[in-house]
Protein backbone atom coordinates (compact mmCIF):
# COMPACT_ATOMS: atom_id res chain seq x y z
CA MET A 1 15.36 -5.75 53.44
CA GLU A 2 11.65 -5.97 52.60
CA LYS A 3 10.65 -5.99 49.00
CA GLN A 4 9.65 -2.49 48.05
CA LYS A 5 8.54 -1.00 44.76
CA LEU A 6 10.41 1.88 43.22
CA THR A 7 9.11 5.27 44.30
CA ASN A 8 8.16 7.88 41.71
CA LYS A 9 11.29 9.91 42.46
CA GLU A 10 13.44 6.82 41.99
CA LYS A 11 11.71 6.04 38.68
CA TYR A 12 12.18 9.59 37.42
CA TRP A 13 15.88 9.45 38.34
CA ILE A 14 16.30 6.12 36.54
CA LEU A 15 14.64 7.56 33.43
CA TYR A 16 17.59 9.89 32.89
CA ASP A 17 19.83 6.84 32.47
CA VAL A 18 17.31 5.63 29.89
CA GLY A 19 17.54 8.94 28.04
CA ASN A 20 21.27 9.69 28.04
CA SER A 21 22.21 6.07 27.23
CA ALA A 22 20.83 6.62 23.73
CA PHE A 23 23.52 9.24 23.15
CA VAL A 24 26.19 6.91 24.60
CA LEU A 25 25.29 4.11 22.18
CA LEU A 26 25.18 6.59 19.31
CA VAL A 27 28.71 7.80 20.21
CA SER A 28 30.09 4.25 20.24
CA THR A 29 28.50 3.17 16.96
CA ILE A 30 26.92 5.50 14.39
CA ILE A 31 28.69 8.82 15.11
CA PRO A 32 32.26 7.55 14.48
CA ILE A 33 31.11 5.93 11.23
CA TYR A 34 29.48 9.15 10.05
CA PHE A 35 32.58 11.12 11.03
CA ASN A 36 34.68 8.77 8.90
CA TYR A 37 32.24 9.37 6.05
CA LEU A 38 32.69 13.17 6.38
CA THR A 39 36.49 12.98 6.58
CA GLY A 40 36.60 10.51 3.69
CA THR A 41 34.55 12.88 1.55
CA ALA A 42 36.98 15.68 2.43
CA GLY A 43 39.99 13.56 1.47
CA VAL A 44 41.31 13.07 5.00
CA SER A 45 43.29 9.83 5.45
CA GLU A 46 42.00 7.09 7.74
CA VAL A 47 44.98 7.52 10.05
CA ASN A 48 44.39 11.27 10.46
CA SER A 49 40.64 10.71 10.82
CA LEU A 50 41.22 8.30 13.71
CA ALA A 51 43.70 10.71 15.31
CA TYR A 52 41.33 13.69 15.08
CA TRP A 53 38.51 11.64 16.59
CA GLY A 54 40.79 10.64 19.46
CA TYR A 55 41.85 14.24 20.04
CA ALA A 56 38.21 15.36 20.19
CA ALA A 57 37.25 12.64 22.67
CA SER A 58 40.27 13.52 24.84
CA ALA A 59 39.42 17.23 24.69
CA ALA A 60 35.90 16.60 25.98
CA THR A 61 37.29 14.41 28.77
CA ILE A 62 39.89 16.98 29.85
CA ILE A 63 37.40 19.88 29.84
CA VAL A 64 34.97 18.08 32.14
CA ALA A 65 37.80 16.82 34.36
CA LEU A 66 38.90 20.44 34.86
CA ILE A 67 35.49 22.02 35.45
CA GLY A 68 33.74 19.03 37.06
CA PRO A 69 34.85 19.41 40.69
CA ILE A 70 34.07 23.12 40.93
CA LEU A 71 30.71 22.72 39.16
CA GLY A 72 29.88 19.87 41.53
CA THR A 73 30.79 22.05 44.49
CA ILE A 74 28.61 24.92 43.26
CA ALA A 75 25.76 22.44 42.71
CA ASP A 76 25.80 21.54 46.42
CA THR A 77 24.55 25.05 47.17
CA LYS A 78 20.83 25.14 47.94
CA ASN A 79 18.65 25.23 44.79
CA TYR A 80 21.65 25.17 42.42
CA LYS A 81 21.82 21.50 41.46
CA LYS A 82 18.69 21.31 39.27
CA PRO A 83 19.50 24.45 37.22
CA LEU A 84 23.09 23.29 36.60
CA PHE A 85 21.87 19.81 35.68
CA THR A 86 19.28 21.29 33.32
CA ILE A 87 21.82 23.54 31.57
CA SER A 88 24.38 20.77 31.05
CA MET A 89 21.69 18.32 29.91
CA MET A 90 20.34 20.83 27.39
CA VAL A 91 23.86 21.51 26.08
CA GLY A 92 24.12 17.78 25.43
CA VAL A 93 20.65 17.46 23.89
CA ILE A 94 20.97 20.52 21.64
CA GLY A 95 24.51 19.46 20.71
CA CYS A 96 23.24 15.99 19.74
CA ALA A 97 20.53 17.50 17.52
CA ALA A 98 22.98 20.04 16.07
CA LEU A 99 25.20 17.21 14.81
CA ALA A 100 22.66 16.85 12.02
CA PHE A 101 23.70 20.10 10.31
CA PRO A 102 27.50 20.30 9.76
CA THR A 103 28.81 19.09 6.42
CA SER A 104 32.38 19.98 7.39
CA TRP A 105 34.14 17.39 9.54
CA VAL A 106 35.86 20.15 11.52
CA VAL A 107 32.57 21.79 12.52
CA PHE A 108 31.04 18.36 13.19
CA LEU A 109 33.90 17.53 15.55
CA ALA A 110 33.55 20.85 17.38
CA VAL A 111 29.82 20.29 17.90
CA PHE A 112 30.53 16.75 19.07
CA VAL A 113 32.95 18.03 21.74
CA ILE A 114 30.30 20.48 22.99
CA ALA A 115 27.64 17.73 23.14
CA LYS A 116 30.00 15.34 24.93
CA VAL A 117 30.97 17.99 27.49
CA GLY A 118 27.28 18.65 28.19
CA TYR A 119 26.58 14.94 28.58
CA ASN A 120 29.58 14.30 30.86
CA ALA A 121 28.87 17.36 33.01
CA SER A 122 25.22 16.35 33.46
CA LEU A 123 26.34 13.01 34.92
CA ILE A 124 28.16 14.75 37.78
CA PHE A 125 24.92 16.38 38.93
CA TYR A 126 22.83 13.33 38.06
CA ASP A 127 24.97 10.90 40.05
CA SER A 128 24.96 13.23 43.06
CA MET A 129 21.14 13.37 42.90
CA LEU A 130 21.07 9.75 44.07
CA VAL A 131 21.40 10.87 47.71
CA ASP A 132 18.27 13.01 47.28
CA VAL A 133 15.92 10.58 45.50
CA THR A 134 16.30 7.44 47.61
CA GLU A 135 17.23 6.08 51.00
CA HIS A 136 20.69 4.94 52.06
CA ASP A 137 19.89 1.22 51.98
CA ARG A 138 18.22 1.40 48.56
CA MET A 139 21.03 3.15 46.68
CA ASP A 140 22.51 -0.08 45.28
CA VAL A 141 19.18 -1.23 43.88
CA VAL A 142 18.23 2.13 42.38
CA SER A 143 21.67 2.71 40.86
CA SER A 144 21.66 -0.80 39.33
CA TYR A 145 18.19 -0.30 37.89
CA GLY A 146 19.45 2.91 36.29
CA TYR A 147 22.15 1.07 34.36
CA ALA A 148 19.86 -1.88 33.57
CA TRP A 149 17.06 0.20 32.06
CA GLY A 150 19.65 2.42 30.43
CA TYR A 151 20.74 -0.54 28.32
CA ILE A 152 17.18 -1.16 27.14
CA GLY A 153 16.42 2.52 26.71
CA SER A 154 19.43 3.06 24.47
CA CYS A 155 18.26 0.34 22.10
CA VAL A 156 14.87 1.85 21.27
CA PRO A 157 15.96 5.02 19.40
CA PHE A 158 19.14 3.28 18.23
CA ILE A 159 17.29 0.52 16.38
CA ILE A 160 14.96 3.03 14.73
CA SER A 161 17.97 5.18 13.77
CA LEU A 162 19.75 2.13 12.38
CA VAL A 163 16.84 1.40 10.07
CA PHE A 164 17.10 4.86 8.50
CA VAL A 165 20.92 4.82 8.32
CA LEU A 166 21.22 1.36 6.78
CA MET A 167 18.20 1.57 4.47
CA TYR A 168 18.22 5.24 3.46
CA ASP A 169 18.55 4.42 -0.24
CA LYS A 170 15.61 2.01 -0.18
CA ILE A 171 13.51 4.52 1.75
CA GLY A 172 14.35 7.15 -0.85
CA ILE A 173 16.33 9.62 1.26
CA THR A 174 19.98 10.69 1.34
CA MET A 175 22.60 9.60 3.85
CA GLY A 176 22.62 13.14 5.28
CA THR A 177 18.86 13.09 5.81
CA ALA A 178 19.04 9.67 7.47
CA MET A 179 21.68 10.95 9.90
CA MET A 180 19.62 14.08 10.58
CA ILE A 181 16.67 11.88 11.56
CA ALA A 182 18.93 9.78 13.80
CA PHE A 183 20.39 12.78 15.62
CA PHE A 184 17.02 14.49 16.09
CA LEU A 185 15.39 11.24 17.26
CA ASN A 186 18.03 10.51 19.89
CA ALA A 187 18.07 14.12 21.10
CA ALA A 188 14.27 14.12 21.43
CA TRP A 189 14.34 10.79 23.28
CA TRP A 190 17.01 12.09 25.67
CA PHE A 191 15.04 15.26 26.46
CA ILE A 192 11.54 13.77 26.71
CA VAL A 193 12.41 11.01 29.18
CA THR A 194 14.26 13.58 31.34
CA ILE A 195 11.18 15.78 31.79
CA PRO A 196 9.75 13.84 34.80
CA LEU A 197 13.03 14.29 36.70
CA LEU A 198 13.15 18.00 35.86
CA LYS A 199 9.59 18.48 37.13
CA ASN A 200 9.85 16.47 40.33
CA TYR A 201 13.44 16.57 41.60
CA GLU A 202 14.01 18.35 44.92
CA GLN A 203 17.44 19.00 46.40
CA VAL A 204 17.14 17.55 49.91
CA ASN A 205 20.82 17.65 50.89
CA PHE A 206 22.61 20.95 50.37
CA ALA A 207 24.94 23.62 51.69
CA GLN A 208 23.32 26.89 52.71
CA MET A 209 23.53 29.80 50.27
CA PRO A 210 26.81 31.66 50.97
CA ALA A 211 27.37 35.36 50.31
CA HIS A 212 29.51 34.56 47.26
CA PRO A 213 28.42 31.15 45.86
CA VAL A 214 31.14 30.78 43.21
CA SER A 215 34.18 32.03 45.15
CA ASP A 216 33.04 30.21 48.29
CA SER A 217 32.69 27.03 46.25
CA PHE A 218 36.39 27.15 45.39
CA GLN A 219 37.16 27.41 49.10
CA ARG A 220 34.82 24.51 49.92
CA LEU A 221 36.46 22.39 47.23
CA GLY A 222 39.88 23.12 48.70
CA HIS A 223 38.68 22.04 52.15
CA THR A 224 37.14 18.87 50.69
CA LEU A 225 40.38 17.90 48.93
CA LYS A 226 42.18 18.28 52.27
CA ASP A 227 39.44 16.27 54.01
CA ILE A 228 39.75 13.41 51.50
CA LYS A 229 43.44 13.06 52.37
CA ARG A 230 42.47 12.73 56.04
CA GLU A 231 39.47 10.47 55.34
CA LYS A 232 41.51 7.44 54.37
CA ASN A 233 38.46 5.28 53.59
CA ILE A 234 37.28 7.67 50.83
CA PHE A 235 40.79 8.32 49.53
CA LEU A 236 41.60 4.61 49.23
CA TYR A 237 38.25 3.92 47.56
CA LEU A 238 38.84 6.63 44.95
CA LEU A 239 42.33 5.24 44.32
CA ALA A 240 40.95 1.71 43.98
CA PHE A 241 38.17 2.95 41.71
CA PHE A 242 40.72 4.69 39.48
CA PHE A 243 42.56 1.41 38.86
CA PHE A 244 39.72 -1.09 38.50
CA ILE A 245 37.47 1.20 36.43
CA ASP A 246 40.49 1.89 34.23
CA GLY A 247 40.65 -1.84 33.49
CA VAL A 248 36.90 -1.94 32.85
CA TYR A 249 36.98 0.95 30.36
CA THR A 250 40.00 -0.52 28.56
CA ILE A 251 38.30 -3.89 28.05
CA ILE A 252 35.11 -2.16 26.90
CA GLU A 253 37.17 -0.25 24.34
CA MET A 254 38.61 -3.54 23.13
CA ALA A 255 35.18 -5.14 22.79
CA THR A 256 33.83 -2.10 20.94
CA ALA A 257 36.86 -1.93 18.65
CA TYR A 258 36.21 -5.47 17.50
CA GLY A 259 32.69 -4.60 16.43
CA SER A 260 30.92 -6.38 19.26
CA ALA A 261 29.56 -3.41 21.20
CA LEU A 262 25.99 -4.67 20.92
CA GLY A 263 27.00 -7.73 22.91
CA LEU A 264 27.51 -5.43 25.88
CA ASP A 265 23.91 -4.22 25.75
CA SER A 266 22.34 -7.63 25.13
CA THR A 267 23.74 -9.05 28.38
CA GLY A 268 24.05 -5.85 30.40
CA PHE A 269 20.32 -5.48 31.08
CA PRO A 270 19.52 -8.84 32.74
CA PHE A 271 22.74 -9.02 34.72
CA ALA A 272 22.42 -5.47 36.04
CA LEU A 273 18.98 -6.51 37.35
CA ILE A 274 20.44 -9.70 38.86
CA PHE A 275 23.04 -7.71 40.75
CA ALA A 276 20.31 -5.29 41.86
CA LYS A 277 18.53 -8.27 43.45
CA CYS A 278 21.76 -9.55 44.99
CA SER A 279 22.46 -6.15 46.56
CA LYS A 280 19.42 -6.69 48.81
CA LYS A 281 20.96 -9.82 50.33
CA TYR A 282 24.72 -9.32 50.10
CA ALA A 283 27.07 -6.50 51.07
CA THR A 284 27.93 -4.05 48.31
CA ASP A 285 31.66 -4.42 48.88
CA LEU A 286 31.39 -8.21 48.37
CA LEU A 287 29.58 -7.74 45.05
CA ILE A 288 32.17 -5.21 43.86
CA LYS A 289 34.95 -7.65 44.78
CA ILE A 290 33.21 -10.36 42.73
CA CYS A 291 32.99 -7.99 39.76
CA ILE A 292 36.67 -7.03 39.99
CA LEU A 293 37.73 -10.70 40.20
CA ALA A 294 35.46 -11.53 37.25
CA TYR A 295 37.07 -8.76 35.20
CA THR A 296 40.51 -10.09 36.17
CA GLY A 297 39.49 -13.43 34.68
CA ILE A 298 38.13 -11.68 31.58
CA ALA A 299 41.45 -9.84 31.16
CA LEU A 300 43.35 -13.13 31.35
CA PHE A 301 40.98 -14.62 28.76
CA ALA A 302 41.53 -11.60 26.50
CA ILE A 303 45.27 -12.32 26.31
CA GLN A 304 44.78 -15.23 23.91
CA LEU A 305 41.98 -13.84 21.70
CA ASP A 306 42.44 -14.95 18.10
CA LYS A 307 39.03 -16.18 16.90
CA GLN A 308 35.89 -14.20 16.01
CA TRP A 309 33.66 -16.15 18.41
CA GLU A 310 36.07 -15.35 21.24
CA PHE A 311 35.61 -11.62 20.64
CA TRP A 312 31.84 -12.03 20.86
CA LEU A 313 32.23 -14.10 24.03
CA LEU A 314 34.42 -11.31 25.42
CA ALA A 315 31.65 -8.80 24.78
CA VAL A 316 29.07 -11.02 26.48
CA LEU A 317 31.30 -11.57 29.52
CA VAL A 318 32.02 -7.84 29.77
CA GLY A 319 28.29 -7.09 29.51
CA MET A 320 27.56 -9.45 32.40
CA PHE A 321 29.56 -7.33 34.84
CA GLN A 322 29.83 -3.89 33.17
CA GLY A 323 26.59 -2.37 34.42
CA ALA A 324 26.95 -4.02 37.82
CA ILE A 325 30.41 -2.70 38.63
CA GLN A 326 29.55 0.81 37.41
CA ALA A 327 26.23 0.93 39.28
CA LEU A 328 27.57 -0.55 42.53
CA SER A 329 30.67 1.68 42.44
CA ARG A 330 28.40 4.72 42.12
CA SER A 331 26.05 3.72 44.94
CA TYR A 332 28.89 2.57 47.22
CA PHE A 333 30.56 5.96 46.87
CA ALA A 334 27.26 7.76 47.50
CA LYS A 335 26.91 5.90 50.79
CA ILE A 336 30.35 6.77 52.19
CA ILE A 337 30.39 10.51 51.42
CA PRO A 338 28.60 13.40 53.18
CA ALA A 339 25.20 13.77 51.45
CA GLU A 340 25.31 17.58 51.60
CA LYS A 341 28.62 17.51 49.67
CA ALA A 342 27.56 14.93 47.06
CA GLY A 343 28.12 17.30 44.13
CA GLU A 344 31.74 18.16 44.89
CA TYR A 345 32.59 14.57 45.85
CA PHE A 346 31.08 13.22 42.63
CA GLY A 347 33.00 15.90 40.73
CA ILE A 348 36.19 14.35 42.13
CA TYR A 349 34.81 10.85 41.50
CA ASP A 350 34.26 11.85 37.88
CA ILE A 351 37.92 12.89 37.55
CA CYS A 352 38.99 9.40 38.65
CA GLY A 353 36.70 7.85 36.06
CA LYS A 354 37.63 10.24 33.24
CA GLY A 355 41.34 10.04 34.05
CA ALA A 356 41.14 6.28 33.94
CA SER A 357 39.32 6.31 30.60
CA PHE A 358 42.48 6.91 28.60
CA LEU A 359 45.29 5.65 30.86
CA GLY A 360 44.56 1.96 30.26
CA THR A 361 44.34 2.13 26.48
CA THR A 362 47.55 4.20 26.39
CA LEU A 363 49.32 1.71 28.65
CA VAL A 364 48.23 -1.23 26.50
CA GLY A 365 49.48 0.50 23.35
CA VAL A 366 52.85 1.51 24.77
CA ILE A 367 53.61 -1.92 26.28
CA ALA A 368 52.51 -3.66 23.08
CA GLN A 369 54.87 -1.47 21.01
CA LEU A 370 57.81 -1.86 23.42
CA THR A 371 57.50 -5.65 23.54
CA ASN A 372 56.29 -6.02 19.96
CA THR A 373 53.48 -8.30 21.14
CA ALA A 374 49.82 -7.49 21.71
CA ASN A 375 49.52 -10.11 24.46
CA ALA A 376 51.94 -8.23 26.72
CA GLY A 377 49.88 -5.07 26.34
CA VAL A 378 46.64 -6.86 27.18
CA ALA A 379 48.31 -8.56 30.16
CA MET A 380 48.84 -5.11 31.71
CA ILE A 381 45.08 -4.83 32.21
CA THR A 382 45.22 -7.70 34.69
CA ILE A 383 47.69 -5.74 36.83
CA LEU A 384 45.25 -2.81 36.97
CA PHE A 385 42.54 -5.07 38.39
CA VAL A 386 44.91 -6.65 40.92
CA ILE A 387 45.98 -3.21 42.21
CA GLY A 388 42.36 -2.04 42.28
CA PHE A 389 41.27 -5.17 44.17
CA ILE A 390 43.95 -4.82 46.85
CA LEU A 391 43.19 -1.14 47.42
CA PHE A 392 39.44 -1.75 47.47
CA CYS A 393 39.82 -4.50 50.11
CA LYS A 394 41.69 -2.00 52.32
CA ALA A 395 39.05 0.69 51.72
CA ALA A 396 36.21 -1.75 52.47
CA LYS A 397 37.78 -2.69 55.83
CA LEU A 398 37.96 0.98 56.82
CA ASN A 399 34.37 1.62 55.74
CA LYS A 400 33.12 -1.24 57.92
């Protein structure tokens, strides 16, 4: 494929990854720490604090998993995708800014769930926009650039926020004021970099306006679910995606839990760009297979972790393939589904990703407790990648 610069529409689409990634990094670093501060002030134990945070994250996941497919189906209707994307994005942005106000940990947690639901819902519409902003053979490159620049974009407001949060006493402000600045800054960043997409996006692929858009959307979703069972290539891919992305999310959780989340961002940017270049020369399914095999090796390495430097190395290794496997999985799926049904298909795709986001960590915990050894729990991650790899190979053969 000839070398071609990104079009304006592609750049505007990528910018949303730059914007929302700031919220993602905030959720994995500063927000949990501030929540612990609020619960600690209220006399809540560390164990209960961790449990409540887990419940809130699960609630946001379940809500979007339930409403995602039908919202995606409605978004496929002509001229519906941009308004639904705008509403969900604004719920996330306003929710992020609103986190600055609660002094009660209960209210803070409720606002967080609302913000997370808005963010997650916006991704369903955003991912499905890929079929409208670029050509079929450029989806891998554009999707990879989204993740790559998302890593860099998340660091800009995060670093500024970190200065205020860590040095609030030297600056002469309170902890609450520092957090207010951080939440407002990240919300503003998220909204401002999304403006070009809001102004210029056009829904090219769509379903014609039915007499009853909402009720007809439920019917269309039902037909699509039946079609997926018949379309074995898509069904097998979604099943494969469920397993291998489950392993990815579980390892990311491990790296983040050991305080090395920044290692993911430091290596994610260059390697996402490298895979974007590779996607021009090599088949997408081959690159995804390489990523899955690499993660299998990472999972095996994780079994024997017992030194600090090994945890940092884990984060770096995860960062090398994290953006690539997420970006290529997204673009690969976009290429095998009907473009005019991208919203409802990505709604189902989102369920597979969200469902996988807690299965792996639960499995690791249960196996570790039953065997009384952490290594056995971590070893289960390898099995997830092996299953995902086998299913993906079968799906790739059908798609060829």
